[in-house]
Amino acid sequence: MTSADGTPPHRPVLTMVVNHPINNDQADWNVQAPPAGWADDRDRWQIAHAVRTVAAVSAFGFLSSAGDRIPG
């Protein structure tokens, strides 16, 4: 299921606050002549992506280990 703009309705906060705005800004960039400061935007995006990935992997690990503790 997606929302009107084609994105998942449960988009994580970090994605909405950091990654999505950067993606929107970059949509209009000229690949041959990126704007000044493009590397800073890239670095912010990559850091947010790394944090998001670590959070997702950690959550999966916690859920997996919790499944081992459920009696049954």
PDB file of N, CA and C in Angstrom:
ATOM      1  N   MET A   1       0.849  -1.182   0.000  1.00  0.00           N
ATOM      2  CA  MET A   1       0.000   0.000   0.000  1.00  0.00           C
ATOM      3  C   MET A   1       0.892   1.242   0.000  1.00  0.00           C
ATOM      4  N   THR A   2       0.548   2.209  -0.808  1.00  0.00           N
ATOM      5  CA  THR A   2       1.320   3.443  -0.871  1.00  0.00           C
ATOM      6  C   THR A   2       0.399   4.633  -0.708  1.00  0.00           C
ATOM      7  N   SER A   3       1.006   5.771  -0.385  1.00  0.00           N
ATOM      8  CA  SER A   3       0.227   6.996  -0.243  1.00  0.00           C
ATOM      9  C   SER A   3       0.066   7.649  -1.616  1.00  0.00           C
ATOM     10  N   ALA A   4      -0.558   8.801  -1.654  1.00  0.00           N
ATOM     11  CA  ALA A   4      -0.840   9.486  -2.918  1.00  0.00           C
ATOM     12  C   ALA A   4       0.429   9.799  -3.713  1.00  0.00           C
ATOM     13  N   ASP A   5       1.542  10.070  -3.007  1.00  0.00           N
ATOM     14  CA  ASP A   5       2.783  10.399  -3.735  1.00  0.00           C
ATOM     15  C   ASP A   5       3.616   9.155  -4.043  1.00  0.00           C
ATOM     16  N   GLY A   6       3.071   7.959  -3.772  1.00  0.00           N
ATOM     17  CA  GLY A   6       3.748   6.725  -4.122  1.00  0.00           C
ATOM     18  C   GLY A   6       4.709   6.209  -3.067  1.00  0.00           C
ATOM     19  N   THR A   7       4.748   6.836  -1.907  1.00  0.00           N
ATOM     20  CA  THR A   7       5.652   6.414  -0.848  1.00  0.00           C
ATOM     21  C   THR A   7       4.903   5.589   0.186  1.00  0.00           C
ATOM     22  N   PRO A   8       5.624   4.752   0.918  1.00  0.00           N
ATOM     23  CA  PRO A   8       4.952   3.980   1.967  1.00  0.00           C
ATOM     24  C   PRO A   8       4.340   4.910   3.007  1.00  0.00           C
ATOM     25  N   PRO A   9       3.165   4.581   3.536  1.00  0.00           N
ATOM     26  CA  PRO A   9       2.513   5.460   4.510  1.00  0.00           C
ATOM     27  C   PRO A   9       3.228   5.499   5.846  1.00  0.00           C
ATOM     28  N   HIS A  10       4.135   4.576   6.111  1.00  0.00           N
ATOM     29  CA  HIS A  10       4.816   4.495   7.398  1.00  0.00           C
ATOM     30  C   HIS A  10       6.284   4.899   7.286  1.00  0.00           C
ATOM     31  N   ARG A  11       6.608   5.805   6.400  1.00  0.00           N
ATOM     32  CA  ARG A  11       7.985   6.201   6.171  1.00  0.00           C
ATOM     33  C   ARG A  11       8.642   6.621   7.485  1.00  0.00           C
ATOM     34  N   PRO A  12       9.831   6.109   7.755  1.00  0.00           N
ATOM     35  CA  PRO A  12      10.535   6.457   8.992  1.00  0.00           C
ATOM     36  C   PRO A  12      10.832   7.952   9.092  1.00  0.00           C
ATOM     37  N   VAL A  13      10.866   8.436  10.312  1.00  0.00           N
ATOM     38  CA  VAL A  13      11.083   9.862  10.564  1.00  0.00           C
ATOM     39  C   VAL A  13      12.418  10.322   9.990  1.00  0.00           C
ATOM     40  N   LEU A  14      13.474   9.563  10.188  1.00  0.00           N
ATOM     41  CA  LEU A  14      14.789   9.963   9.687  1.00  0.00           C
ATOM     42  C   LEU A  14      14.759  10.142   8.174  1.00  0.00           C
ATOM     43  N   THR A  15      14.070   9.270   7.490  1.00  0.00           N
ATOM     44  CA  THR A  15      13.963   9.383   6.042  1.00  0.00           C
ATOM     45  C   THR A  15      13.237  10.660   5.652  1.00  0.00           C
ATOM     46  N   MET A  16      12.149  10.967   6.358  1.00  0.00           N
ATOM     47  CA  MET A  16      11.373  12.165   6.033  1.00  0.00           C
ATOM     48  C   MET A  16      12.137  13.442   6.352  1.00  0.00           C
ATOM     49  N   VAL A  17      12.920  13.430   7.418  1.00  0.00           N
ATOM     50  CA  VAL A  17      13.597  14.650   7.865  1.00  0.00           C
ATOM     51  C   VAL A  17      14.901  14.907   7.118  1.00  0.00           C
ATOM     52  N   VAL A  18      15.636  13.858   6.764  1.00  0.00           N
ATOM     53  CA  VAL A  18      16.959  14.049   6.159  1.00  0.00           C
ATOM     54  C   VAL A  18      17.005  13.579   4.708  1.00  0.00           C
ATOM     55  N   ASN A  19      16.773  12.299   4.487  1.00  0.00           N
ATOM     56  CA  ASN A  19      16.997  11.732   3.160  1.00  0.00           C
ATOM     57  C   ASN A  19      16.046  12.267   2.091  1.00  0.00           C
ATOM     58  N   HIS A  20      14.774  12.302   2.390  1.00  0.00           N
ATOM     59  CA  HIS A  20      13.795  12.722   1.382  1.00  0.00           C
ATOM     60  C   HIS A  20      14.022  14.163   0.899  1.00  0.00           C
ATOM     61  N   PRO A  21      14.246  15.129   1.795  1.00  0.00           N
ATOM     62  CA  PRO A  21      14.519  16.484   1.314  1.00  0.00           C
ATOM     63  C   PRO A  21      15.778  16.569   0.441  1.00  0.00           C
ATOM     64  N   ILE A  22      16.803  15.812   0.798  1.00  0.00           N
ATOM     65  CA  ILE A  22      18.022  15.823  -0.017  1.00  0.00           C
ATOM     66  C   ILE A  22      17.729  15.214  -1.380  1.00  0.00           C
ATOM     67  N   ASN A  23      16.983  14.110  -1.408  1.00  0.00           N
ATOM     68  CA  ASN A  23      16.613  13.498  -2.685  1.00  0.00           C
ATOM     69  C   ASN A  23      15.843  14.482  -3.561  1.00  0.00           C
ATOM     70  N   ASN A  24      14.905  15.221  -2.961  1.00  0.00           N
ATOM     71  CA  ASN A  24      14.133  16.204  -3.721  1.00  0.00           C
ATOM     72  C   ASN A  24      15.024  17.302  -4.283  1.00  0.00           C
ATOM     73  N   ASP A  25      15.965  17.784  -3.500  1.00  0.00           N
ATOM     74  CA  ASP A  25      16.884  18.825  -3.977  1.00  0.00           C
ATOM     75  C   ASP A  25      17.729  18.324  -5.136  1.00  0.00           C
ATOM     76  N   GLN A  26      18.198  17.099  -5.038  1.00  0.00           N
ATOM     77  CA  GLN A  26      19.100  16.558  -6.052  1.00  0.00           C
ATOM     78  C   GLN A  26      18.398  16.229  -7.364  1.00  0.00           C
ATOM     79  N   ALA A  27      17.106  16.126  -7.345  1.00  0.00           N
ATOM     80  CA  ALA A  27      16.370  15.782  -8.563  1.00  0.00           C
ATOM     81  C   ALA A  27      16.583  16.815  -9.666  1.00  0.00           C
ATOM     82  N   ASP A  28      16.854  18.049  -9.292  1.00  0.00           N
ATOM     83  CA  ASP A  28      17.035  19.118 -10.277  1.00  0.00           C
ATOM     84  C   ASP A  28      18.496  19.442 -10.570  1.00  0.00           C
ATOM     85  N   TRP A  29      19.415  18.717  -9.968  1.00  0.00           N
ATOM     86  CA  TRP A  29      20.832  19.006 -10.175  1.00  0.00           C
ATOM     87  C   TRP A  29      21.288  18.548 -11.556  1.00  0.00           C
ATOM     88  N   ASN A  30      22.259  19.274 -12.095  1.00  0.00           N
ATOM     89  CA  ASN A  30      22.919  18.874 -13.333  1.00  0.00           C
ATOM     90  C   ASN A  30      24.089  17.977 -12.939  1.00  0.00           C
ATOM     91  N   VAL A  31      24.105  16.765 -13.444  1.00  0.00           N
ATOM     92  CA  VAL A  31      25.140  15.804 -13.073  1.00  0.00           C
ATOM     93  C   VAL A  31      26.527  16.298 -13.485  1.00  0.00           C
ATOM     94  N   GLN A  32      26.604  17.000 -14.593  1.00  0.00           N
ATOM     95  CA  GLN A  32      27.886  17.491 -15.092  1.00  0.00           C
ATOM     96  C   GLN A  32      28.395  18.692 -14.307  1.00  0.00           C
ATOM     97  N   ALA A  33      27.503  19.405 -13.610  1.00  0.00           N
ATOM     98  CA  ALA A  33      27.906  20.593 -12.850  1.00  0.00           C
ATOM     99  C   ALA A  33      27.096  20.678 -11.563  1.00  0.00           C
ATOM    100  N   PRO A  34      27.418  19.830 -10.576  1.00  0.00           N
ATOM    101  CA  PRO A  34      26.657  19.878  -9.322  1.00  0.00           C
ATOM    102  C   PRO A  34      26.903  21.202  -8.598  1.00  0.00           C
ATOM    103  N   PRO A  35      25.966  21.608  -7.756  1.00  0.00           N
ATOM    104  CA  PRO A  35      26.106  22.878  -7.041  1.00  0.00           C
ATOM    105  C   PRO A  35      27.217  22.824  -5.999  1.00  0.00           C
ATOM    106  N   ALA A  36      27.644  24.001  -5.596  1.00  0.00           N
ATOM    107  CA  ALA A  36      28.639  24.085  -4.521  1.00  0.00           C
ATOM    108  C   ALA A  36      28.052  23.458  -3.259  1.00  0.00           C
ATOM    109  N   GLY A  37      28.869  22.755  -2.530  1.00  0.00           N
ATOM    110  CA  GLY A  37      28.413  22.133  -1.295  1.00  0.00           C
ATOM    111  C   GLY A  37      27.722  20.800  -1.494  1.00  0.00           C
ATOM    112  N   TRP A  38      27.770  20.247  -2.705  1.00  0.00           N
ATOM    113  CA  TRP A  38      27.095  18.978  -2.965  1.00  0.00           C
ATOM    114  C   TRP A  38      27.657  17.845  -2.116  1.00  0.00           C
ATOM    115  N   ALA A  39      28.960  17.911  -1.830  1.00  0.00           N
ATOM    116  CA  ALA A  39      29.582  16.844  -1.040  1.00  0.00           C
ATOM    117  C   ALA A  39      29.039  16.830   0.392  1.00  0.00           C
ATOM    118  N   ASP A  40      28.723  18.002   0.927  1.00  0.00           N
ATOM    119  CA  ASP A  40      28.140  18.060   2.276  1.00  0.00           C
ATOM    120  C   ASP A  40      26.768  17.380   2.302  1.00  0.00           C
ATOM    121  N   ASP A  41      25.966  17.637   1.263  1.00  0.00           N
ATOM    122  CA  ASP A  41      24.660  16.986   1.171  1.00  0.00           C
ATOM    123  C   ASP A  41      24.813  15.477   1.044  1.00  0.00           C
ATOM    124  N   ARG A  42      25.765  15.064   0.221  1.00  0.00           N
ATOM    125  CA  ARG A  42      26.014  13.625   0.050  1.00  0.00           C
ATOM    126  C   ARG A  42      26.408  12.986   1.371  1.00  0.00           C
ATOM    127  N   ASP A  43      27.298  13.652   2.106  1.00  0.00           N
ATOM    128  CA  ASP A  43      27.755  13.110   3.384  1.00  0.00           C
ATOM    129  C   ASP A  43      26.615  13.009   4.395  1.00  0.00           C
ATOM    130  N   ARG A  44      25.750  14.039   4.455  1.00  0.00           N
ATOM    131  CA  ARG A  44      24.595  13.997   5.367  1.00  0.00           C
ATOM    132  C   ARG A  44      23.664  12.848   4.997  1.00  0.00           C
ATOM    133  N   TRP A  45      23.441  12.666   3.694  1.00  0.00           N
ATOM    134  CA  TRP A  45      22.567  11.585   3.232  1.00  0.00           C
ATOM    135  C   TRP A  45      23.154  10.233   3.617  1.00  0.00           C
ATOM    136  N   GLN A  46      24.446  10.059   3.402  1.00  0.00           N
ATOM    137  CA  GLN A  46      25.080   8.778   3.701  1.00  0.00           C
ATOM    138  C   GLN A  46      25.082   8.472   5.191  1.00  0.00           C
ATOM    139  N   ILE A  47      25.306   9.482   6.017  1.00  0.00           N
ATOM    140  CA  ILE A  47      25.273   9.269   7.474  1.00  0.00           C
ATOM    141  C   ILE A  47      23.864   8.876   7.915  1.00  0.00           C
ATOM    142  N   ALA A  48      22.856   9.592   7.412  1.00  0.00           N
ATOM    143  CA  ALA A  48      21.477   9.266   7.775  1.00  0.00           C
ATOM    144  C   ALA A  48      21.117   7.866   7.290  1.00  0.00           C
ATOM    145  N   HIS A  49      21.582   7.507   6.111  1.00  0.00           N
ATOM    146  CA  HIS A  49      21.311   6.172   5.579  1.00  0.00           C
ATOM    147  C   HIS A  49      21.980   5.096   6.448  1.00  0.00           C
ATOM    148  N   ALA A  50      23.199   5.352   6.879  1.00  0.00           N
ATOM    149  CA  ALA A  50      23.905   4.394   7.734  1.00  0.00           C
ATOM    150  C   ALA A  50      23.180   4.232   9.072  1.00  0.00           C
ATOM    151  N   VAL A  51      22.747   5.333   9.666  1.00  0.00           N
ATOM    152  CA  VAL A  51      22.013   5.266  10.934  1.00  0.00           C
ATOM    153  C   VAL A  51      20.715   4.491  10.750  1.00  0.00           C
ATOM    154  N   ARG A  52      20.017   4.766   9.661  1.00  0.00           N
ATOM    155  CA  ARG A  52      18.761   4.078   9.370  1.00  0.00           C
ATOM    156  C   ARG A  52      18.993   2.575   9.178  1.00  0.00           C
ATOM    157  N   THR A  53      20.065   2.223   8.489  1.00  0.00           N
ATOM    158  CA  THR A  53      20.371   0.817   8.246  1.00  0.00           C
ATOM    159  C   THR A  53      20.735   0.101   9.540  1.00  0.00           C
ATOM    160  N   VAL A  54      21.560   0.720  10.366  1.00  0.00           N
ATOM    161  CA  VAL A  54      21.931   0.118  11.651  1.00  0.00           C
ATOM    162  C   VAL A  54      20.686  -0.068  12.520  1.00  0.00           C
ATOM    163  N   ALA A  55      19.785   0.912  12.519  1.00  0.00           N
ATOM    164  CA  ALA A  55      18.557   0.799  13.303  1.00  0.00           C
ATOM    165  C   ALA A  55      17.694  -0.354  12.806  1.00  0.00           C
ATOM    166  N   ALA A  56      17.586  -0.502  11.495  1.00  0.00           N
ATOM    167  CA  ALA A  56      16.767  -1.581  10.936  1.00  0.00           C
ATOM    168  C   ALA A  56      17.369  -2.950  11.236  1.00  0.00           C
ATOM    169  N   VAL A  57      18.670  -3.088  11.083  1.00  0.00           N
ATOM    170  CA  VAL A  57      19.327  -4.364  11.361  1.00  0.00           C
ATOM    171  C   VAL A  57      19.232  -4.694  12.855  1.00  0.00           C
ATOM    172  N   SER A  58      19.412  -3.685  13.697  1.00  0.00           N
ATOM    173  CA  SER A  58      19.299  -3.895  15.146  1.00  0.00           C
ATOM    174  C   SER A  58      17.885  -4.325  15.523  1.00  0.00           C
ATOM    175  N   ALA A  59      16.897  -3.652  14.944  1.00  0.00           N
ATOM    176  CA  ALA A  59      15.509  -4.015  15.239  1.00  0.00           C
ATOM    177  C   ALA A  59      15.226  -5.456  14.817  1.00  0.00           C
ATOM    178  N   PHE A  60      15.728  -5.838  13.655  1.00  0.00           N
ATOM    179  CA  PHE A  60      15.539  -7.218  13.202  1.00  0.00           C
ATOM    180  C   PHE A  60      16.204  -8.197  14.166  1.00  0.00           C
ATOM    181  N   GLY A  61      17.404  -7.856  14.611  1.00  0.00           N
ATOM    182  CA  GLY A  61      18.101  -8.722  15.568  1.00  0.00           C
ATOM    183  C   GLY A  61      17.357  -8.854  16.875  1.00  0.00           C
ATOM    184  N   PHE A  62      16.840  -7.735  17.388  1.00  0.00           N
ATOM    185  CA  PHE A  62      16.079  -7.778  18.633  1.00  0.00           C
ATOM    186  C   PHE A  62      14.807  -8.609  18.476  1.00  0.00           C
ATOM    187  N   LEU A  63      14.113  -8.420  17.371  1.00  0.00           N
ATOM    188  CA  LEU A  63      12.896  -9.197  17.146  1.00  0.00           C
ATOM    189  C   LEU A  63      13.204 -10.675  16.992  1.00  0.00           C
ATOM    190  N   SER A  64      14.280 -10.982  16.302  1.00  0.00           N
ATOM    191  CA  SER A  64      14.664 -12.385  16.124  1.00  0.00           C
ATOM    192  C   SER A  64      15.010 -13.035  17.446  1.00  0.00           C
ATOM    193  N   SER A  65      15.752 -12.327  18.281  1.00  0.00           N
ATOM    194  CA  SER A  65      16.138 -12.903  19.574  1.00  0.00           C
ATOM    195  C   SER A  65      14.940 -12.984  20.510  1.00  0.00           C
ATOM    196  N   ALA A  66      14.005 -12.065  20.390  1.00  0.00           N
ATOM    197  CA  ALA A  66      12.796 -12.127  21.229  1.00  0.00           C
ATOM    198  C   ALA A  66      11.940 -13.321  20.846  1.00  0.00           C
ATOM    199  N   GLY A  67      11.968 -13.678  19.579  1.00  0.00           N
ATOM    200  CA  GLY A  67      11.196 -14.844  19.138  1.00  0.00           C
ATOM    201  C   GLY A  67      11.667 -16.119  19.784  1.00  0.00           C
ATOM    202  N   ASP A  68      12.943 -16.178  20.118  1.00  0.00           N
ATOM    203  CA  ASP A  68      13.498 -17.357  20.798  1.00  0.00           C
ATOM    204  C   ASP A  68      12.995 -17.475  22.225  1.00  0.00           C
ATOM    205  N   ARG A  69      12.534 -16.380  22.800  1.00  0.00           N
ATOM    206  CA  ARG A  69      12.119 -16.377  24.213  1.00  0.00           C
ATOM    207  C   ARG A  69      10.628 -16.592  24.386  1.00  0.00           C
ATOM    208  N   ILE A  70       9.892 -16.627  23.311  1.00  0.00           N
ATOM    209  CA  ILE A  70       8.430 -16.802  23.411  1.00  0.00           C
ATOM    210  C   ILE A  70       8.149 -18.290  23.667  1.00  0.00           C
ATOM    211  N   PRO A  71       7.477 -18.586  24.779  1.00  0.00           N
ATOM    212  CA  PRO A  71       7.190 -19.988  25.072  1.00  0.00           C
ATOM    213  C   PRO A  71       6.205 -20.562  24.047  1.00  0.00           C
ATOM    214  N   GLY A  72       6.369 -21.821  23.799  1.00  0.00           N
ATOM    215  CA  GLY A  72       5.382 -22.387  22.905  1.00  0.00           C
ATOM    216  C   GLY A  72       5.913 -23.468  22.124  1.00  0.00           C
TER     217      GLY A  72
END
